[in-house]
Amino acid sequence: MIGGDAAGMSAASQARRLKGPDELEIVAFERGHFASYSACGIPYWVGGDVPERDRLIARTPEEHRARGIDLRLRTEVTEIDVDRGRVRTRDAGSGAESWTPYDKLVIATGARPIRPDLPGADAAGVHGVQTLDDGQALLDTLARSGGRRAVVVGAGYIGVEMAEALINRGYQVTVVNRGREPMSTLDPDMGRLVHRAMEGLGITMVNGTGVTGLPTDDDGRVRGVATPAAEYPADVVVLGIGVRPQTSLARAAGLPLGDHGGLLTDRAMRVRGHENIWAGGDCVEVLDLVSGQQRHIPLGTHANKHGQVIGTNAAGGYATFPGVVGTAVSKVCDLEIARTGLREKDAHRAGLRFVTATIESTSRAGYYPDASPMTVKMLAEHRTGRLLGVQIVGREGAGKRVDIAAVALTAGMTVEQMTSLDLGYAPPFSPVWDPVLVAARKAVKAVRQRA
């Protein structure tokens, strides 16, 4: 196993469940200090919602080793020799290098934060946040910093979540975002709702501008973020502009990569053209079940499922991963943000004609205490009415409603079929017509009008 987090260690654990140590030797290499942890929880640890780092660790190295998995931390794989079936590793402490042979190889190298090629991008005080080591380094910087100004570059999931974490830490936060609105995973009209909510929390939003550099002090520490129009002072800078598949090893080994730079696999998560090499997690591309295209969607949910499939197959069983519909949820303070399926630009790119429907509703019956507002946007295919995507922005009770749409997308339902879904109802949980079904009814009307 190359990589000791979600996909790699899920694969190792599943293979061990199926095969004992006498039947299958498992060696896992991880270049960091930690394995089997929740990277998705790092913003909440940084922000103080999770009180200590170890709460994010699902299984310790000692627990893995006790189950017969030879987990080697601080050991980086530097080369894959496909022809001879071996990997070269380097020990981070001693620098010693060695070759380890394999019969079956699992690549779970994850993704790396995008670090712009700009002056000052590697300066002290500039942080990407992808691993527990990254989170610890950021907390160390916050502890040493005497200032209270933070700039987050980028307003995707990580950018928005880190802005909230820094607000919780008492920092003055500015978010510099190249897009028209935050959360490019949403359509701009829905992203505008997130924009307003972030400003309501005291976050300064600077949209529609790029970064030209990260100026530094004489001691080499970052002092701000420069754009074409202004410079925003900062004692710490967090990069939240996305990630790319960590596939440099795979590329050097001649393994097949897709348009997004991720490894290409079959449904058994086997690397295409290689019988005994599997790959999973943030380093692979996956099939979008709605558009039929390959996409790179780095999420822990997918990585753990990939690991289960890989472990089963590597141990001699049979399992497949059919694809995804692109479901994700996030939050900034009490604002919940969710999406599944296609955005408008995704549908255009796939050559689909569609209609949209946007509605405003509440999380509970309007007369019930603490009913909170939410906005639901739905995309449906022109003529057929097939559901294409849903986006939801609202307060408590909004985000997880996207799961209704995720199931409908997976089943290939039309918006008209959705209007008859037998969903649970009681005033503390929902209006008589759930907001997702209200959006479906409006989408049905839009489909009929277009037809």
Protein backbone atom coordinates (compact mmCIF):
# COMPACT_ATOMS: atom_id res chain seq x y z
CA MET A 1 0.00 0.00 0.00
CA ILE A 2 1.38 3.42 -0.97
CA GLY A 3 -0.47 5.82 1.33
CA GLY A 4 -1.76 5.25 4.84
CA ASP A 5 -5.00 7.18 5.03
CA ALA A 6 -8.59 6.45 3.98
CA ALA A 7 -8.26 4.41 0.78
CA GLY A 8 -4.95 2.72 1.62
CA MET A 9 -5.74 1.59 5.13
CA SER A 10 -9.35 0.71 4.30
CA ALA A 11 -7.96 -1.57 1.61
CA ALA A 12 -5.41 -3.04 4.01
CA SER A 13 -8.01 -3.63 6.72
CA GLN A 14 -10.51 -5.22 4.32
CA ALA A 15 -7.86 -7.50 2.82
CA ARG A 16 -6.81 -8.56 6.31
CA ARG A 17 -10.42 -9.41 7.23
CA LEU A 18 -10.52 -11.79 4.27
CA LYS A 19 -7.00 -13.24 4.49
CA GLY A 20 -4.93 -14.04 7.58
CA PRO A 21 -1.25 -13.12 8.02
CA ASP A 22 -0.16 -16.59 6.87
CA GLU A 23 -2.05 -16.14 3.59
CA LEU A 24 -1.29 -12.50 2.79
CA GLU A 25 1.53 -10.21 3.90
CA ILE A 26 0.50 -6.55 3.93
CA VAL A 27 2.99 -3.68 4.00
CA ALA A 28 1.79 -0.05 4.03
CA PHE A 29 4.05 2.95 3.47
CA GLU A 30 3.03 6.39 4.75
CA ARG A 31 5.37 9.37 4.45
CA GLY A 32 3.65 11.38 7.20
CA HIS A 33 3.44 10.97 10.97
CA PHE A 34 -0.17 9.70 10.99
CA ALA A 35 -2.40 7.10 9.34
CA SER A 36 -6.14 6.36 9.24
CA TYR A 37 -7.38 9.83 10.13
CA SER A 38 -10.22 12.10 9.07
CA ALA A 39 -8.78 14.83 6.86
CA CYS A 40 -12.32 16.24 6.57
CA GLY A 41 -12.22 17.04 10.29
CA ILE A 42 -9.07 19.19 10.17
CA PRO A 43 -10.89 22.56 9.83
CA TYR A 44 -12.99 21.71 12.89
CA TRP A 45 -9.88 20.77 14.87
CA VAL A 46 -8.17 24.01 13.84
CA GLY A 47 -11.31 25.96 14.76
CA GLY A 48 -11.58 24.33 18.19
CA ASP A 49 -14.80 22.35 17.64
CA VAL A 50 -12.73 19.16 17.90
CA PRO A 51 -10.64 19.64 21.04
CA GLU A 52 -7.68 17.42 20.23
CA ARG A 53 -5.94 15.91 17.23
CA ASP A 54 -6.27 12.29 18.31
CA ARG A 55 -10.07 12.50 18.05
CA LEU A 56 -9.55 12.51 14.26
CA ILE A 57 -7.57 9.27 14.24
CA ALA A 58 -9.78 6.27 13.48
CA ARG A 59 -7.16 3.60 14.15
CA THR A 60 -3.67 3.99 15.56
CA PRO A 61 -0.54 2.51 13.96
CA GLU A 62 -0.29 0.12 16.91
CA GLU A 63 -3.81 -1.14 16.25
CA HIS A 64 -2.99 -1.76 12.59
CA ARG A 65 0.21 -3.59 13.48
CA ALA A 66 -1.61 -5.71 16.05
CA ARG A 67 -3.85 -6.92 13.23
CA GLY A 68 -0.90 -7.98 11.12
CA ILE A 69 -0.49 -4.92 8.90
CA ASP A 70 3.12 -3.77 8.62
CA LEU A 71 2.54 0.01 8.67
CA ARG A 72 5.73 2.02 8.16
CA LEU A 73 5.33 5.71 8.98
CA ARG A 74 7.73 8.43 7.81
CA THR A 75 8.63 6.20 4.87
CA GLU A 76 8.15 7.71 1.42
CA VAL A 77 7.83 5.72 -1.79
CA THR A 78 10.03 7.46 -4.35
CA GLU A 79 9.71 5.12 -7.34
CA ILE A 80 7.48 2.37 -8.70
CA ASP A 81 9.24 -0.26 -10.85
CA VAL A 82 6.29 -1.84 -12.64
CA ASP A 83 8.39 -4.20 -14.77
CA ARG A 84 10.15 -5.78 -11.79
CA GLY A 85 7.26 -5.50 -9.31
CA ARG A 86 8.92 -3.40 -6.62
CA VAL A 87 8.91 0.04 -5.01
CA ARG A 88 11.81 2.15 -3.82
CA THR A 89 11.39 3.79 -0.40
CA ARG A 90 13.26 6.37 1.63
CA ASP A 91 13.23 6.59 5.43
CA ALA A 92 12.58 10.21 6.45
CA GLY A 93 14.72 9.93 9.57
CA SER A 94 17.86 8.24 8.30
CA GLY A 95 17.53 8.92 4.58
CA ALA A 96 18.23 5.23 3.90
CA GLU A 97 16.75 3.86 0.67
CA SER A 98 15.68 0.32 -0.14
CA TRP A 99 13.57 -1.70 -2.56
CA THR A 100 10.51 -3.71 -1.50
CA PRO A 101 9.00 -6.30 -3.89
CA TYR A 102 5.26 -6.71 -4.36
CA ASP A 103 2.87 -9.20 -5.90
CA LYS A 104 -0.04 -6.75 -5.63
CA LEU A 105 0.27 -2.98 -5.40
CA VAL A 106 -2.26 -0.44 -4.11
CA ILE A 107 -1.71 3.24 -4.93
CA ALA A 108 -3.51 5.56 -2.50
CA THR A 109 -1.32 8.66 -2.67
CA GLY A 110 -4.19 11.12 -2.26
CA ALA A 111 -4.17 14.70 -3.50
CA ARG A 112 -1.96 17.71 -2.86
CA PRO A 113 -3.10 21.30 -2.18
CA ILE A 114 -2.62 23.61 -5.14
CA ARG A 115 0.18 26.03 -4.29
CA PRO A 116 0.30 28.88 -6.81
CA ASP A 117 3.56 29.62 -8.62
CA LEU A 118 3.79 33.12 -7.18
CA PRO A 119 6.39 35.12 -5.22
CA GLY A 120 6.12 34.28 -1.53
CA ALA A 121 3.96 31.16 -1.98
CA ASP A 122 6.49 29.09 -0.01
CA ALA A 123 7.08 31.71 2.69
CA ALA A 124 6.75 31.02 6.40
CA GLY A 125 3.15 31.54 7.52
CA VAL A 126 1.62 30.24 4.25
CA HIS A 127 -0.24 26.97 4.73
CA GLY A 128 -2.06 24.37 2.67
CA VAL A 129 -4.35 22.09 4.66
CA GLN A 130 -4.59 18.49 3.47
CA THR A 131 -3.04 16.23 6.11
CA LEU A 132 -2.83 16.08 9.90
CA ASP A 133 0.76 17.26 9.57
CA ASP A 134 -0.53 20.31 7.67
CA GLY A 135 -3.12 20.99 10.36
CA GLN A 136 -0.53 20.73 13.13
CA ALA A 137 1.81 23.10 11.27
CA LEU A 138 -0.99 25.67 10.93
CA LEU A 139 -1.89 25.43 14.62
CA ASP A 140 1.77 25.90 15.52
CA THR A 141 1.85 29.06 13.40
CA LEU A 142 -1.33 30.38 15.02
CA ALA A 143 0.15 29.73 18.47
CA ARG A 144 3.34 31.66 17.62
CA SER A 145 1.69 34.51 15.75
CA GLY A 146 1.28 37.73 17.63
CA GLY A 147 -1.18 39.10 15.07
CA ARG A 148 -4.85 38.50 14.45
CA ARG A 149 -5.18 38.96 10.68
CA ALA A 150 -5.75 36.01 8.34
CA VAL A 151 -6.28 35.80 4.60
CA VAL A 152 -7.75 32.70 2.98
CA VAL A 153 -7.01 32.34 -0.73
CA GLY A 154 -9.86 30.50 -2.42
CA ALA A 155 -13.48 29.96 -1.44
CA GLY A 156 -14.20 26.30 -2.11
CA TYR A 157 -14.98 23.78 0.62
CA ILE A 158 -11.59 24.10 2.33
CA GLY A 159 -11.47 27.88 1.96
CA VAL A 160 -14.93 28.39 3.43
CA GLU A 161 -14.37 25.90 6.27
CA MET A 162 -10.99 27.41 7.13
CA ALA A 163 -12.47 30.92 7.13
CA GLU A 164 -14.95 29.73 9.76
CA ALA A 165 -12.17 28.04 11.76
CA LEU A 166 -10.11 31.24 11.84
CA ILE A 167 -13.15 33.33 12.81
CA ASN A 168 -13.66 30.92 15.71
CA ARG A 169 -10.01 31.49 16.66
CA GLY A 170 -10.67 35.23 16.93
CA TYR A 171 -8.97 36.29 13.71
CA GLN A 172 -10.04 39.03 11.32
CA VAL A 173 -10.58 37.03 8.13
CA THR A 174 -10.45 38.11 4.50
CA VAL A 175 -11.24 35.63 1.72
CA VAL A 176 -9.75 36.38 -1.70
CA ASN A 177 -11.58 34.45 -4.39
CA ARG A 178 -11.03 34.37 -8.16
CA GLY A 179 -14.64 33.31 -8.86
CA ARG A 180 -17.71 35.50 -9.08
CA GLU A 181 -19.04 34.02 -5.84
CA PRO A 182 -17.75 31.61 -3.16
CA MET A 183 -18.32 27.87 -3.51
CA SER A 184 -17.68 27.23 -7.20
CA THR A 185 -19.26 23.81 -6.62
CA LEU A 186 -22.56 25.72 -6.70
CA ASP A 187 -24.06 27.84 -9.44
CA PRO A 188 -23.30 31.56 -8.90
CA ASP A 189 -26.89 32.38 -7.89
CA MET A 190 -26.62 29.88 -5.03
CA GLY A 191 -23.06 30.93 -4.21
CA ARG A 192 -24.38 34.45 -3.70
CA LEU A 193 -26.37 33.20 -0.71
CA VAL A 194 -23.15 31.85 0.81
CA HIS A 195 -21.45 35.19 0.11
CA ARG A 196 -24.08 37.13 2.05
CA ALA A 197 -23.95 34.72 4.97
CA MET A 198 -20.15 34.91 5.20
CA GLU A 199 -20.23 38.70 5.24
CA GLY A 200 -22.88 38.49 7.95
CA LEU A 201 -20.35 36.59 10.06
CA GLY A 202 -17.81 39.38 9.71
CA ILE A 203 -15.74 37.75 6.95
CA THR A 204 -14.52 40.18 4.29
CA MET A 205 -15.20 38.72 0.85
CA VAL A 206 -13.10 39.82 -2.14
CA ASN A 207 -14.52 38.06 -5.20
CA GLY A 208 -13.57 38.19 -8.87
CA THR A 209 -9.88 38.82 -8.39
CA GLY A 210 -6.69 36.82 -8.68
CA VAL A 211 -3.61 36.84 -6.46
CA THR A 212 -0.40 38.35 -7.87
CA GLY A 213 1.91 37.56 -4.96
CA LEU A 214 2.37 37.01 -1.25
CA PRO A 215 4.64 39.81 0.02
CA THR A 216 7.05 38.95 2.84
CA ASP A 217 8.87 40.76 5.63
CA ASP A 218 12.64 41.00 5.87
CA ASP A 219 12.64 37.79 7.93
CA GLY A 220 10.90 35.89 5.12
CA ARG A 221 7.49 35.66 6.79
CA VAL A 222 4.36 36.40 4.81
CA ARG A 223 2.87 39.82 5.52
CA GLY A 224 -0.09 39.87 3.14
CA VAL A 225 -1.78 38.84 -0.08
CA ALA A 226 -1.46 41.07 -3.14
CA THR A 227 -4.08 41.37 -5.89
CA PRO A 228 -4.08 43.67 -8.94
CA ALA A 229 -6.13 46.23 -7.00
CA ALA A 230 -4.90 46.01 -3.37
CA GLU A 231 -2.79 44.27 -0.76
CA TYR A 232 -4.52 42.60 2.18
CA PRO A 233 -2.37 42.38 5.33
CA ALA A 234 -2.01 38.96 6.94
CA ASP A 235 -0.19 37.32 9.82
CA VAL A 236 -1.16 33.92 8.40
CA VAL A 237 -2.31 32.83 4.94
CA VAL A 238 -4.28 29.65 4.22
CA LEU A 239 -4.43 28.31 0.68
CA GLY A 240 -7.87 26.90 -0.11
CA ILE A 241 -7.77 26.91 -3.91
CA GLY A 242 -8.32 23.20 -4.35
CA VAL A 243 -6.26 20.06 -4.76
CA ARG A 244 -4.80 18.00 -7.58
CA PRO A 245 -4.32 14.22 -7.69
CA GLN A 246 -0.94 13.23 -6.24
CA THR A 247 0.10 11.08 -9.18
CA SER A 248 3.73 12.02 -9.90
CA LEU A 249 4.85 8.50 -8.94
CA ALA A 250 2.23 6.93 -11.20
CA ARG A 251 3.10 9.26 -14.08
CA ALA A 252 6.80 8.42 -13.80
CA ALA A 253 5.92 4.72 -13.82
CA GLY A 254 3.93 5.11 -17.05
CA LEU A 255 0.53 4.34 -15.52
CA PRO A 256 -2.55 5.75 -17.31
CA LEU A 257 -3.85 9.15 -16.21
CA GLY A 258 -7.03 10.99 -17.19
CA ASP A 259 -7.71 14.56 -18.27
CA HIS A 260 -7.78 15.72 -14.63
CA GLY A 261 -4.44 14.09 -13.80
CA GLY A 262 -5.96 11.21 -11.82
CA LEU A 263 -5.28 7.51 -12.31
CA LEU A 264 -7.71 5.65 -14.53
CA THR A 265 -9.20 2.42 -13.17
CA ASP A 266 -11.87 -0.08 -14.09
CA ARG A 267 -14.92 -0.73 -11.91
CA ALA A 268 -12.89 -3.08 -9.72
CA MET A 269 -10.53 -0.12 -9.04
CA ARG A 270 -7.78 -1.94 -10.94
CA VAL A 271 -5.47 0.43 -12.84
CA ARG A 272 -6.28 0.05 -16.51
CA GLY A 273 -3.95 -2.33 -18.28
CA HIS A 274 -2.32 -3.60 -15.07
CA GLU A 275 -3.64 -6.83 -13.59
CA ASN A 276 -2.04 -6.51 -10.14
CA ILE A 277 -2.14 -2.75 -9.48
CA TRP A 278 -5.13 -1.00 -7.90
CA ALA A 279 -5.69 2.65 -7.05
CA GLY A 280 -8.25 4.55 -4.99
CA GLY A 281 -9.02 7.73 -3.11
CA ASP A 282 -8.13 11.27 -4.12
CA CYS A 283 -5.52 10.13 -6.67
CA VAL A 284 -8.06 8.57 -9.07
CA GLU A 285 -10.76 9.78 -11.43
CA VAL A 286 -14.26 8.36 -11.08
CA LEU A 287 -17.27 7.91 -13.33
CA ASP A 288 -20.00 10.52 -12.97
CA LEU A 289 -23.23 8.53 -13.21
CA VAL A 290 -25.22 11.60 -14.29
CA SER A 291 -23.03 12.95 -17.11
CA GLY A 292 -21.23 9.72 -18.01
CA GLN A 293 -17.88 11.54 -17.87
CA GLN A 294 -14.75 11.00 -15.78
CA ARG A 295 -14.29 13.44 -12.88
CA HIS A 296 -11.87 14.08 -10.04
CA ILE A 297 -13.89 14.32 -6.81
CA PRO A 298 -11.64 14.17 -3.72
CA LEU A 299 -13.87 13.05 -0.84
CA GLY A 300 -13.29 10.74 2.10
CA THR A 301 -16.58 8.93 1.47
CA HIS A 302 -15.37 7.78 -1.93
CA ALA A 303 -11.90 6.91 -0.64
CA ASN A 304 -13.23 4.56 2.03
CA LYS A 305 -15.52 2.83 -0.47
CA HIS A 306 -12.62 2.49 -2.93
CA GLY A 307 -10.57 0.88 -0.16
CA GLN A 308 -13.27 -1.67 0.60
CA VAL A 309 -13.47 -2.64 -3.07
CA ILE A 310 -9.69 -2.79 -3.50
CA GLY A 311 -9.15 -4.83 -0.34
CA THR A 312 -11.77 -7.34 -1.39
CA ASN A 313 -10.29 -7.77 -4.87
CA ALA A 314 -6.67 -7.84 -3.73
CA ALA A 315 -7.58 -10.63 -1.31
CA GLY A 316 -9.07 -12.71 -4.10
CA GLY A 317 -12.72 -11.68 -3.82
CA TYR A 318 -14.82 -9.61 -6.18
CA ALA A 319 -16.30 -6.14 -5.71
CA THR A 320 -16.94 -3.08 -7.88
CA PHE A 321 -17.35 0.66 -7.48
CA PRO A 322 -20.07 1.85 -9.90
CA GLY A 323 -19.41 5.61 -9.79
CA VAL A 324 -20.68 8.75 -8.08
CA VAL A 325 -23.30 11.46 -8.45
CA GLY A 326 -21.13 14.14 -6.84
CA THR A 327 -22.78 14.62 -3.45
CA ALA A 328 -21.12 16.94 -0.93
CA VAL A 329 -22.13 18.98 2.12
CA SER A 330 -20.35 21.70 4.03
CA LYS A 331 -21.08 24.51 6.47
CA VAL A 332 -19.92 27.94 7.48
CA CYS A 333 -21.04 28.52 11.06
CA ASP A 334 -24.78 27.78 11.01
CA LEU A 335 -25.16 27.97 7.21
CA GLU A 336 -25.43 24.54 5.56
CA ILE A 337 -24.36 24.10 1.92
CA ALA A 338 -25.10 20.99 -0.14
CA ARG A 339 -25.02 19.83 -3.73
CA THR A 340 -25.37 16.67 -5.79
CA GLY A 341 -25.36 15.97 -9.50
CA LEU A 342 -24.61 18.60 -12.12
CA ARG A 343 -24.32 22.38 -11.99
CA GLU A 344 -25.49 24.41 -14.97
CA LYS A 345 -22.00 24.56 -16.46
CA ASP A 346 -21.57 20.80 -15.98
CA ALA A 347 -24.78 20.16 -17.88
CA HIS A 348 -23.69 22.50 -20.69
CA ARG A 349 -20.31 20.75 -20.86
CA ALA A 350 -22.03 17.38 -21.13
CA GLY A 351 -24.19 18.65 -24.00
CA LEU A 352 -27.42 18.37 -22.00
CA ARG A 353 -30.43 20.65 -22.43
CA PHE A 354 -32.11 21.42 -19.14
CA VAL A 355 -34.51 23.55 -17.13
CA THR A 356 -34.02 24.94 -13.64
CA ALA A 357 -36.35 25.54 -10.72
CA THR A 358 -35.52 27.47 -7.54
CA ILE A 359 -37.75 27.64 -4.48
CA GLU A 360 -37.63 29.02 -0.95
CA SER A 361 -39.07 27.02 1.92
CA THR A 362 -38.43 26.15 5.56
CA SER A 363 -36.87 23.24 7.40
CA ARG A 364 -40.03 22.62 9.47
CA ALA A 365 -43.68 23.53 9.33
CA GLY A 366 -43.82 27.31 9.21
CA TYR A 367 -45.77 27.53 12.48
CA TYR A 368 -43.37 25.25 14.37
CA PRO A 369 -40.72 26.99 16.54
CA ASP A 370 -37.28 27.56 15.01
CA ALA A 371 -38.31 26.80 11.42
CA SER A 372 -35.35 28.04 9.37
CA PRO A 373 -35.31 29.18 5.73
CA MET A 374 -33.67 27.27 2.90
CA THR A 375 -33.27 27.69 -0.84
CA VAL A 376 -33.39 24.67 -3.16
CA LYS A 377 -32.31 24.75 -6.82
CA MET A 378 -33.05 21.81 -9.12
CA LEU A 379 -31.89 20.97 -12.64
CA ALA A 380 -33.93 18.62 -14.85
CA GLU A 381 -33.32 17.39 -18.38
CA HIS A 382 -35.35 19.09 -21.10
CA ARG A 383 -38.11 16.83 -22.48
CA THR A 384 -37.39 13.74 -20.34
CA GLY A 385 -37.54 15.47 -16.95
CA ARG A 386 -34.66 13.33 -15.67
CA LEU A 387 -33.21 14.83 -12.50
CA LEU A 388 -29.74 16.27 -13.19
CA GLY A 389 -28.74 18.06 -10.01
CA VAL A 390 -29.79 19.74 -6.77
CA GLN A 391 -28.21 22.51 -4.69
CA ILE A 392 -29.38 23.52 -1.21
CA VAL A 393 -28.36 26.47 0.96
CA GLY A 394 -30.02 27.04 4.33
CA ARG A 395 -29.82 26.81 8.09
CA GLU A 396 -30.22 23.83 10.40
CA GLY A 397 -31.91 20.89 8.70
CA ALA A 398 -31.07 21.96 5.15
CA GLY A 399 -27.84 20.17 4.22
CA LYS A 400 -28.69 16.50 4.67
CA ARG A 401 -31.85 16.88 2.59
CA VAL A 402 -29.53 16.59 -0.39
CA ASP A 403 -29.43 12.84 0.28
CA ILE A 404 -32.99 12.57 -1.06
CA ALA A 405 -31.75 13.93 -4.37
CA ALA A 406 -28.62 11.77 -4.31
CA VAL A 407 -30.74 8.62 -4.12
CA ALA A 408 -33.06 9.91 -6.86
CA LEU A 409 -30.06 10.64 -9.11
CA THR A 410 -28.57 7.20 -8.50
CA ALA A 411 -31.92 5.62 -9.39
CA GLY A 412 -32.24 7.74 -12.55
CA MET A 413 -35.58 9.20 -11.44
CA THR A 414 -37.45 11.99 -13.18
CA VAL A 415 -38.59 15.04 -11.25
CA GLU A 416 -42.20 13.91 -11.78
CA GLN A 417 -41.42 10.56 -10.13
CA MET A 418 -39.82 12.44 -7.24
CA THR A 419 -43.04 14.30 -6.45
CA SER A 420 -44.57 10.98 -5.32
CA LEU A 421 -41.74 10.02 -2.96
CA ASP A 422 -43.10 8.89 0.40
CA LEU A 423 -40.94 11.00 2.69
CA GLY A 424 -41.36 11.25 6.44
CA TYR A 425 -43.45 14.15 7.72
CA ALA A 426 -44.12 15.74 11.08
CA PRO A 427 -44.12 19.49 11.85
CA PRO A 428 -40.80 19.37 13.82
CA PHE A 429 -39.03 17.86 10.78
CA SER A 430 -40.62 19.20 7.62
CA PRO A 431 -43.50 21.08 6.04
CA VAL A 432 -46.22 18.84 4.58
CA TRP A 433 -44.42 19.18 1.25
CA ASP A 434 -40.71 18.74 1.84
CA PRO A 435 -38.64 21.53 0.22
CA VAL A 436 -36.98 19.05 -2.16
CA LEU A 437 -40.41 17.89 -3.37
CA VAL A 438 -41.60 21.49 -3.75
CA ALA A 439 -38.61 22.09 -6.01
CA ALA A 440 -39.44 18.89 -7.94
CA ARG A 441 -43.01 20.07 -8.51
CA LYS A 442 -41.75 23.39 -9.85
CA ALA A 443 -39.26 21.56 -12.06
CA VAL A 444 -42.08 19.39 -13.48
CA LYS A 445 -43.93 22.56 -14.42
CA ALA A 446 -40.79 23.98 -16.08
CA VAL A 447 -40.28 20.77 -18.09
CA ARG A 448 -43.89 20.83 -19.32
CA GLN A 449 -43.70 24.50 -20.25
CA ARG A 450 -40.49 23.94 -22.20
CA ALA A 451 -42.00 20.93 -23.98
